[in-house]
N, C-alpha and C. Protein backbone atom coordinates (compact mmCIF):
# COMPACT_ATOMS: atom_id res chain seq x y z
N MET A 1 63.46 106.82 -36.52
CA MET A 1 62.95 105.58 -35.98
C MET A 1 62.51 104.69 -37.14
N LYS A 2 62.58 103.39 -36.94
CA LYS A 2 62.18 102.42 -37.95
C LYS A 2 61.12 101.50 -37.38
N PRO A 3 60.35 100.84 -38.24
CA PRO A 3 59.39 99.86 -37.73
C PRO A 3 60.12 98.65 -37.13
N ALA A 4 59.47 98.02 -36.17
CA ALA A 4 60.05 96.82 -35.56
C ALA A 4 60.14 95.70 -36.58
N ARG A 5 61.10 94.81 -36.39
CA ARG A 5 61.34 93.74 -37.36
C ARG A 5 60.12 92.84 -37.54
N HIS A 6 59.32 92.64 -36.49
CA HIS A 6 58.17 91.75 -36.62
C HIS A 6 57.03 92.39 -37.43
N HIS A 7 57.09 93.68 -37.71
CA HIS A 7 56.08 94.33 -38.55
C HIS A 7 56.42 94.22 -40.03
N ILE A 8 57.65 93.91 -40.37
CA ILE A 8 58.10 93.93 -41.77
C ILE A 8 57.78 92.61 -42.45
N THR A 9 57.21 92.72 -43.65
CA THR A 9 56.90 91.58 -44.49
C THR A 9 57.32 91.93 -45.92
N ALA A 10 57.05 91.06 -46.87
CA ALA A 10 57.43 91.31 -48.27
C ALA A 10 56.18 91.56 -49.11
N CYS A 11 56.30 92.48 -50.06
CA CYS A 11 55.22 92.74 -51.01
C CYS A 11 55.02 91.50 -51.87
N LYS A 12 53.77 91.10 -52.10
CA LYS A 12 53.49 89.91 -52.90
C LYS A 12 53.85 90.08 -54.37
N ARG A 13 53.91 91.31 -54.85
CA ARG A 13 54.19 91.54 -56.26
C ARG A 13 55.66 91.78 -56.55
N CYS A 14 56.30 92.66 -55.77
CA CYS A 14 57.68 93.03 -56.08
C CYS A 14 58.69 92.51 -55.06
N ARG A 15 58.23 91.87 -53.99
CA ARG A 15 59.06 91.29 -52.94
C ARG A 15 59.86 92.33 -52.14
N ALA A 16 59.51 93.60 -52.23
CA ALA A 16 60.18 94.65 -51.46
C ALA A 16 59.71 94.58 -50.00
N PRO A 17 60.55 94.99 -49.05
CA PRO A 17 60.13 94.98 -47.65
C PRO A 17 59.10 96.08 -47.38
N ILE A 18 57.97 95.69 -46.81
CA ILE A 18 56.90 96.64 -46.48
C ILE A 18 56.41 96.35 -45.07
N CYS A 19 55.61 97.26 -44.54
CA CYS A 19 54.90 97.02 -43.30
C CYS A 19 53.48 97.56 -43.47
N TRP A 20 52.54 96.94 -42.80
CA TRP A 20 51.14 97.34 -42.88
C TRP A 20 50.80 98.21 -41.68
N ALA A 21 50.06 99.28 -41.93
CA ALA A 21 49.64 100.19 -40.86
C ALA A 21 48.16 100.52 -41.03
N LEU A 22 47.53 100.89 -39.95
CA LEU A 22 46.13 101.32 -39.99
C LEU A 22 46.09 102.83 -40.14
N THR A 23 45.23 103.32 -41.03
CA THR A 23 45.13 104.76 -41.24
C THR A 23 44.35 105.39 -40.09
N SER A 24 44.75 106.60 -39.72
CA SER A 24 44.05 107.29 -38.64
C SER A 24 42.72 107.86 -39.11
N ALA A 25 42.56 108.04 -40.44
CA ALA A 25 41.32 108.62 -40.96
C ALA A 25 40.16 107.64 -40.90
N ASN A 26 40.37 106.38 -41.35
CA ASN A 26 39.25 105.46 -41.40
C ASN A 26 39.57 104.05 -40.92
N GLY A 27 40.78 103.81 -40.42
CA GLY A 27 41.12 102.50 -39.88
C GLY A 27 41.39 101.43 -40.91
N ARG A 28 41.59 101.80 -42.16
CA ARG A 28 41.91 100.82 -43.20
C ARG A 28 43.40 100.51 -43.20
N ARG A 29 43.75 99.34 -43.73
CA ARG A 29 45.16 98.94 -43.81
C ARG A 29 45.82 99.60 -45.01
N GLN A 30 47.05 100.07 -44.82
CA GLN A 30 47.81 100.71 -45.88
C GLN A 30 49.24 100.17 -45.84
N PRO A 31 49.77 99.71 -46.99
CA PRO A 31 51.15 99.25 -47.00
C PRO A 31 52.12 100.43 -47.08
N LEU A 32 53.20 100.36 -46.30
CA LEU A 32 54.22 101.40 -46.29
C LEU A 32 55.56 100.75 -46.63
N ASP A 33 56.45 101.52 -47.25
CA ASP A 33 57.81 101.06 -47.43
C ASP A 33 58.44 100.93 -46.05
N ALA A 34 59.21 99.88 -45.83
CA ALA A 34 59.77 99.62 -44.51
C ALA A 34 60.87 100.62 -44.14
N GLU A 35 61.55 101.17 -45.12
CA GLU A 35 62.62 102.13 -44.85
C GLU A 35 62.05 103.55 -44.72
N PRO A 36 62.33 104.25 -43.64
CA PRO A 36 61.90 105.65 -43.53
C PRO A 36 62.57 106.51 -44.59
N THR A 37 61.87 107.52 -45.07
CA THR A 37 62.40 108.42 -46.09
C THR A 37 61.92 109.84 -45.84
N ALA A 38 62.77 110.80 -46.14
CA ALA A 38 62.41 112.21 -45.95
C ALA A 38 61.41 112.67 -47.00
N GLU A 39 61.30 111.96 -48.12
CA GLU A 39 60.35 112.33 -49.18
C GLU A 39 58.94 111.80 -48.92
N GLY A 40 58.76 111.00 -47.88
CA GLY A 40 57.46 110.39 -47.60
C GLY A 40 56.40 111.41 -47.24
N ASN A 41 55.16 111.08 -47.54
CA ASN A 41 54.06 112.00 -47.25
C ASN A 41 53.14 111.48 -46.15
N VAL A 42 53.60 110.47 -45.41
CA VAL A 42 52.84 109.96 -44.27
C VAL A 42 53.77 109.83 -43.07
N ALA A 43 53.20 109.91 -41.88
CA ALA A 43 53.94 109.72 -40.64
C ALA A 43 53.39 108.47 -39.97
N ALA A 44 54.28 107.55 -39.61
CA ALA A 44 53.87 106.29 -39.00
C ALA A 44 54.40 106.21 -37.58
N MET A 45 53.67 105.49 -36.73
CA MET A 45 54.12 105.28 -35.35
C MET A 45 53.51 104.00 -34.83
N GLN A 46 54.17 103.43 -33.83
CA GLN A 46 53.64 102.24 -33.18
C GLN A 46 52.80 102.69 -32.00
N GLY A 47 51.56 102.23 -31.96
CA GLY A 47 50.65 102.60 -30.89
C GLY A 47 50.90 101.79 -29.63
N PRO A 48 50.24 102.14 -28.53
CA PRO A 48 50.42 101.42 -27.28
C PRO A 48 49.95 99.97 -27.35
N ASP A 49 49.09 99.65 -28.34
CA ASP A 49 48.62 98.28 -28.51
C ASP A 49 49.55 97.44 -29.38
N GLY A 50 50.66 98.03 -29.85
CA GLY A 50 51.63 97.30 -30.65
C GLY A 50 51.39 97.37 -32.14
N LEU A 51 50.28 97.95 -32.58
CA LEU A 51 49.97 98.08 -34.00
C LEU A 51 50.59 99.34 -34.57
N LEU A 52 50.81 99.35 -35.87
CA LEU A 52 51.32 100.54 -36.54
C LEU A 52 50.15 101.40 -37.00
N TYR A 53 50.28 102.70 -36.83
CA TYR A 53 49.27 103.65 -37.27
C TYR A 53 49.94 104.66 -38.18
N VAL A 54 49.20 105.17 -39.15
CA VAL A 54 49.75 106.11 -40.12
C VAL A 54 48.78 107.27 -40.28
N ARG A 55 49.34 108.45 -40.47
CA ARG A 55 48.54 109.65 -40.75
C ARG A 55 49.20 110.40 -41.88
N SER A 56 48.44 111.22 -42.58
CA SER A 56 48.99 112.03 -43.66
C SER A 56 49.74 113.22 -43.10
N VAL A 57 50.85 113.55 -43.75
CA VAL A 57 51.59 114.77 -43.42
C VAL A 57 50.99 115.86 -44.29
N THR A 58 50.34 116.83 -43.67
CA THR A 58 49.63 117.87 -44.41
C THR A 58 50.23 119.23 -44.09
N VAL A 59 49.74 120.24 -44.78
CA VAL A 59 50.18 121.61 -44.51
C VAL A 59 49.77 122.01 -43.10
N ALA A 60 48.61 121.56 -42.66
CA ALA A 60 48.13 121.90 -41.32
C ALA A 60 48.96 121.21 -40.23
N ARG A 61 49.45 119.98 -40.50
CA ARG A 61 50.25 119.24 -39.53
C ARG A 61 51.50 118.67 -40.21
N PRO A 62 52.47 119.54 -40.55
CA PRO A 62 53.65 119.06 -41.28
C PRO A 62 54.74 118.46 -40.38
N GLU A 63 54.66 118.68 -39.08
CA GLU A 63 55.74 118.25 -38.20
C GLU A 63 55.65 116.75 -37.92
N ILE A 64 56.82 116.14 -37.74
CA ILE A 64 56.91 114.75 -37.35
C ILE A 64 57.14 114.74 -35.84
N ARG A 65 56.21 114.15 -35.11
CA ARG A 65 56.28 114.14 -33.65
C ARG A 65 57.24 113.07 -33.14
N PRO A 66 57.66 113.17 -31.90
CA PRO A 66 58.53 112.14 -31.32
C PRO A 66 57.84 110.77 -31.38
N GLY A 67 58.59 109.77 -31.77
CA GLY A 67 58.04 108.42 -31.89
C GLY A 67 57.51 108.10 -33.28
N GLU A 68 57.40 109.10 -34.15
CA GLU A 68 56.93 108.89 -35.52
C GLU A 68 58.12 108.84 -36.47
N TRP A 69 57.92 108.24 -37.62
CA TRP A 69 58.90 108.31 -38.69
C TRP A 69 58.17 108.58 -39.99
N GLN A 70 58.85 109.24 -40.90
CA GLN A 70 58.27 109.62 -42.18
C GLN A 70 58.44 108.46 -43.15
N ALA A 71 57.38 108.08 -43.82
CA ALA A 71 57.40 106.93 -44.71
C ALA A 71 56.68 107.26 -46.02
N MET A 72 56.87 106.38 -46.99
CA MET A 72 56.23 106.51 -48.30
C MET A 72 55.24 105.36 -48.45
N PRO A 73 54.00 105.63 -48.90
CA PRO A 73 53.08 104.53 -49.18
C PRO A 73 53.68 103.62 -50.27
N HIS A 74 53.55 102.32 -50.09
CA HIS A 74 54.17 101.39 -51.03
C HIS A 74 53.50 101.43 -52.40
N HIS A 75 52.24 101.85 -52.46
CA HIS A 75 51.56 101.95 -53.76
C HIS A 75 52.31 102.91 -54.69
N ALA A 76 52.98 103.90 -54.12
CA ALA A 76 53.69 104.89 -54.93
C ALA A 76 55.03 104.38 -55.43
N THR A 77 55.60 103.37 -54.81
CA THR A 77 56.94 102.93 -55.18
C THR A 77 57.02 101.50 -55.68
N CYS A 78 55.92 100.76 -55.69
CA CYS A 78 55.93 99.35 -56.10
C CYS A 78 56.36 99.24 -57.56
N SER A 79 57.32 98.35 -57.83
CA SER A 79 57.82 98.19 -59.20
C SER A 79 56.88 97.37 -60.08
N SER A 80 55.95 96.64 -59.50
CA SER A 80 54.96 95.93 -60.31
C SER A 80 53.58 96.08 -59.65
N PRO A 81 52.98 97.27 -59.79
CA PRO A 81 51.69 97.53 -59.14
C PRO A 81 50.57 96.72 -59.78
N PRO A 82 49.48 96.52 -59.04
CA PRO A 82 48.34 95.79 -59.62
C PRO A 82 47.71 96.61 -60.73
N PRO A 83 47.02 95.95 -61.66
CA PRO A 83 46.36 96.70 -62.73
C PRO A 83 45.29 97.61 -62.17
N ARG A 84 45.14 98.76 -62.77
CA ARG A 84 44.15 99.73 -62.31
C ARG A 84 42.75 99.27 -62.69
N ARG A 85 41.83 99.51 -61.79
CA ARG A 85 40.43 99.17 -62.07
C ARG A 85 39.71 100.40 -62.58
N SER A 86 38.83 100.19 -63.49
CA SER A 86 38.04 101.29 -64.02
C SER A 86 36.91 101.60 -63.06
N ALA A 87 36.62 102.87 -62.88
CA ALA A 87 35.53 103.27 -62.00
C ALA A 87 34.17 103.05 -62.67
N ARG A 88 34.19 103.02 -63.99
CA ARG A 88 32.94 102.82 -64.74
C ARG A 88 32.67 101.34 -64.91
N THR A 89 31.39 101.00 -64.93
CA THR A 89 31.02 99.63 -65.25
C THR A 89 30.89 99.52 -66.75
N PRO A 90 31.31 98.42 -67.34
CA PRO A 90 31.22 98.29 -68.79
C PRO A 90 29.76 98.24 -69.24
N GLU A 91 29.54 98.72 -70.44
CA GLU A 91 28.18 98.69 -71.00
C GLU A 91 27.76 97.24 -71.21
N ARG A 92 26.54 96.93 -70.81
CA ARG A 92 26.04 95.57 -70.96
C ARG A 92 25.47 95.40 -72.36
N SER A 93 25.76 94.28 -72.91
CA SER A 93 25.29 93.97 -74.25
C SER A 93 23.84 93.51 -74.17
N THR A 94 23.04 93.91 -75.14
CA THR A 94 21.64 93.49 -75.19
C THR A 94 21.42 92.42 -76.25
N VAL A 95 22.50 91.94 -76.83
CA VAL A 95 22.38 90.89 -77.84
C VAL A 95 21.96 89.60 -77.17
N GLY A 96 20.96 88.93 -77.73
CA GLY A 96 20.51 87.67 -77.19
C GLY A 96 19.49 87.79 -76.08
N VAL A 97 18.95 88.96 -75.85
CA VAL A 97 17.94 89.13 -74.80
C VAL A 97 16.58 88.77 -75.38
N ARG A 98 15.81 88.00 -74.63
CA ARG A 98 14.48 87.61 -75.11
C ARG A 98 13.56 88.83 -75.11
N PRO A 99 12.87 89.07 -76.20
CA PRO A 99 11.98 90.23 -76.27
C PRO A 99 10.67 90.03 -75.51
N VAL A 100 10.34 88.80 -75.13
CA VAL A 100 9.09 88.54 -74.41
C VAL A 100 9.39 87.89 -73.08
N PRO A 101 8.50 87.99 -72.10
CA PRO A 101 8.76 87.34 -70.81
C PRO A 101 8.76 85.82 -70.95
N TRP A 102 9.44 85.19 -70.01
CA TRP A 102 9.48 83.74 -70.01
C TRP A 102 8.08 83.17 -69.77
N GLN A 103 7.79 82.08 -70.46
CA GLN A 103 6.47 81.43 -70.29
C GLN A 103 6.71 80.04 -69.77
N ARG A 104 5.83 79.60 -68.93
CA ARG A 104 5.92 78.24 -68.39
C ARG A 104 5.03 77.31 -69.09
């Protein structure tokens, strides 16, 4: 099965066809490659409300149920991914800090 044509859009960075789905774990949006693939690690399906939902294919639930298709997250295949953000905050410089409190 494939996503419906009205769900497919283009990636802003690489212009590849993608579709957005809501994760079953926390309801966040996740971009998926529009073409189903056997190497994908997520299963996507269209819910009764017309939205796409995605869940992880795990060892505990490896089967693809009727109505689902196997897809790859687009973050894994994007040819021009966004720059990675550092988890650490940069050290703040103390140069130029007044040693005494402000006086009025």
